[in-house]
Amino acid sequence: MIRYRSGIDRRTGKALRGFDHVRQSVEVILRTLLTERLMLLDFGFPGVRHIGRNLTAPVVLAIYRDARKAIRRWEPEYDIRRFQLVRADRTGLLALGTTGIYYPEGRFNNFKIAEPVTATFALSDAETAGPA
C-alpha cells in the first residue's frame, strides 16, 4: 500500500493528498525568500531575486538552477527533469512549467514507486502581480 502524504490546502482548507500536497509544498518553497522563516533561515528559493530582471538566457538558467536546487533540497517527493518558462510579463509574474517524477514515498527514501507528472508554478501570487 502506497503511503501518500496528506494535508490541508492553505487557501481553501480542504484536504490535499498525493501530488496536490507536493504541488502546494513546491509553491511554498518557490514563494519563500531565504531568511524569511526564522527557524529555517535557509528554507526557500534564492531565485526570487531574479524576478523583475531582463530575462536573458543566463538569468533564465539561473532561475532554473535555483528552483531545481531548492526543490531538490526541500521536497524529496518531486524530481524535476525539465523546466519551461511558460509565462513572463511586465508586472514581474513568472510561471515555470515543470516535467518530472513524483515519488509518493520519497520522504521515506523509497524511490521504487514513481509517477511522471507535469505542473506549472507561479513565482508570485496572481492577485498581487496585477493584470496580465
Protein backbone atom coordinates (compact mmCIF):
# COMPACT_ATOMS: atom_id res chain seq x y z
CA MET A 1 0.00 0.00 0.00
CA ILE A 2 1.37 3.39 -1.01
CA ARG A 3 1.64 5.91 1.83
CA TYR A 4 0.54 9.15 0.16
CA ARG A 5 1.20 12.35 2.04
CA SER A 6 -1.88 14.32 3.05
CA GLY A 7 -2.53 17.77 4.42
CA ILE A 8 -4.73 20.85 4.22
CA ASP A 9 -4.97 23.33 1.35
CA ARG A 10 -3.69 26.63 2.70
CA ARG A 11 -6.25 28.67 0.70
CA THR A 12 -9.45 26.62 0.89
CA GLY A 13 -8.97 24.45 3.97
CA LYS A 14 -9.88 21.32 2.01
CA ALA A 15 -7.95 18.07 2.29
CA LEU A 16 -4.98 17.51 -0.02
CA ARG A 17 -3.49 14.16 -0.90
CA GLY A 18 -0.71 12.89 -3.12
CA PHE A 19 0.78 15.18 -5.73
CA ASP A 20 -1.63 18.00 -4.86
CA HIS A 21 0.14 18.23 -1.49
CA VAL A 22 3.53 18.20 -3.22
CA ARG A 23 2.35 20.95 -5.59
CA GLN A 24 1.43 23.14 -2.62
CA SER A 25 4.79 22.42 -0.96
CA VAL A 26 6.70 23.41 -4.09
CA GLU A 27 4.66 26.63 -4.34
CA VAL A 28 5.62 27.48 -0.75
CA ILE A 29 9.29 26.79 -1.49
CA LEU A 30 9.28 28.93 -4.63
CA ARG A 31 7.49 31.84 -2.95
CA THR A 32 9.56 31.97 0.22
CA LEU A 33 12.57 34.26 0.39
CA LEU A 34 15.71 32.98 2.08
CA THR A 35 15.87 34.10 5.74
CA GLU A 36 12.09 34.72 5.74
CA ARG A 37 11.41 31.84 8.15
CA LEU A 38 13.05 32.41 11.50
CA MET A 39 13.64 28.78 12.44
CA LEU A 40 14.62 27.75 8.89
CA LEU A 41 16.73 30.60 7.57
CA ASP A 42 17.98 28.58 4.58
CA PHE A 43 14.47 27.47 3.52
CA GLY A 44 13.15 28.94 0.30
CA PHE A 45 14.04 29.96 -3.21
CA PRO A 46 17.02 32.24 -3.78
CA GLY A 47 15.89 32.81 -7.37
CA VAL A 48 13.26 35.31 -6.27
CA ARG A 49 15.99 37.93 -6.62
CA HIS A 50 15.80 37.41 -10.40
CA ILE A 51 12.16 38.45 -10.70
CA GLY A 52 11.91 41.79 -12.49
CA ARG A 53 15.26 41.44 -14.25
CA ASN A 54 15.59 41.22 -18.02
CA LEU A 55 15.06 37.60 -18.98
CA THR A 56 18.29 36.94 -20.76
CA ALA A 57 19.47 33.36 -21.21
CA PRO A 58 21.84 33.48 -18.19
CA VAL A 59 19.08 34.85 -15.92
CA VAL A 60 16.58 32.18 -17.02
CA LEU A 61 19.19 29.46 -16.49
CA ALA A 62 19.93 30.85 -13.02
CA ILE A 63 16.20 30.73 -12.18
CA TYR A 64 16.01 27.11 -13.34
CA ARG A 65 19.16 26.21 -11.40
CA ASP A 66 17.97 27.87 -8.19
CA ALA A 67 14.49 26.32 -8.46
CA ARG A 68 15.81 22.82 -9.05
CA LYS A 69 18.28 23.14 -6.17
CA ALA A 70 15.63 24.42 -3.71
CA ILE A 71 13.02 21.84 -4.71
CA ARG A 72 15.54 19.00 -4.59
CA ARG A 73 16.60 20.06 -1.09
CA TRP A 74 13.17 20.64 0.46
CA GLU A 75 10.79 18.37 -1.47
CA PRO A 76 12.03 14.76 -1.66
CA GLU A 77 8.93 13.55 -3.49
CA TYR A 78 9.43 15.54 -6.72
CA ASP A 79 12.43 15.30 -9.02
CA ILE A 80 12.27 17.87 -11.79
CA ARG A 81 13.61 16.68 -15.12
CA ARG A 82 12.60 19.58 -17.37
CA PHE A 83 11.75 23.27 -16.99
CA GLN A 84 9.94 25.63 -19.30
CA LEU A 85 9.25 29.31 -18.85
CA VAL A 86 5.51 29.37 -19.53
CA ARG A 87 4.69 32.93 -18.58
CA ALA A 88 6.55 36.16 -18.03
CA ASP A 89 5.02 39.62 -18.07
CA ARG A 90 5.99 43.16 -17.23
CA THR A 91 4.35 43.02 -13.79
CA GLY A 92 7.02 40.59 -12.63
CA LEU A 93 4.91 37.45 -12.82
CA LEU A 94 6.94 34.40 -13.77
CA ALA A 95 5.49 30.93 -14.18
CA LEU A 96 7.58 27.81 -14.57
CA GLY A 97 6.30 24.67 -16.23
CA THR A 98 7.91 21.50 -14.96
CA THR A 99 8.04 17.90 -16.01
CA GLY A 100 9.35 15.41 -13.53
CA ILE A 101 8.94 12.28 -11.49
CA TYR A 102 6.69 12.10 -8.43
CA TYR A 103 7.82 9.65 -5.76
CA PRO A 104 4.89 9.16 -3.34
CA GLU A 105 7.18 7.64 -0.70
CA GLY A 106 10.25 9.77 -1.41
CA ARG A 107 10.18 11.18 2.12
CA PHE A 108 10.92 7.62 3.32
CA ASN A 109 13.78 7.26 0.79
CA ASN A 110 11.68 4.82 -1.22
CA PHE A 111 12.18 5.75 -4.87
CA LYS A 112 10.87 2.49 -6.34
CA ILE A 113 7.35 3.88 -6.84
CA ALA A 114 7.44 6.63 -9.47
CA GLU A 115 4.83 8.52 -11.49
CA PRO A 116 5.57 11.03 -14.29
CA VAL A 117 3.89 14.41 -13.70
CA THR A 118 3.76 17.88 -15.17
CA ALA A 119 2.96 21.01 -13.20
CA THR A 120 3.09 24.80 -13.51
CA PHE A 121 4.19 27.03 -10.66
CA ALA A 122 3.82 30.82 -10.46
CA LEU A 123 6.64 32.54 -8.64
CA SER A 124 4.29 35.19 -7.26
CA ASP A 125 0.62 35.42 -6.39
CA ALA A 126 -1.55 36.28 -9.37
CA GLU A 127 -3.60 38.64 -7.20
CA THR A 128 -0.57 40.75 -6.33
CA ALA A 129 1.02 40.58 -9.78
CA GLY A 130 -1.59 42.78 -11.41
CA PRO A 131 -3.39 42.27 -14.73
CA ALA A 132 -1.78 40.07 -17.36
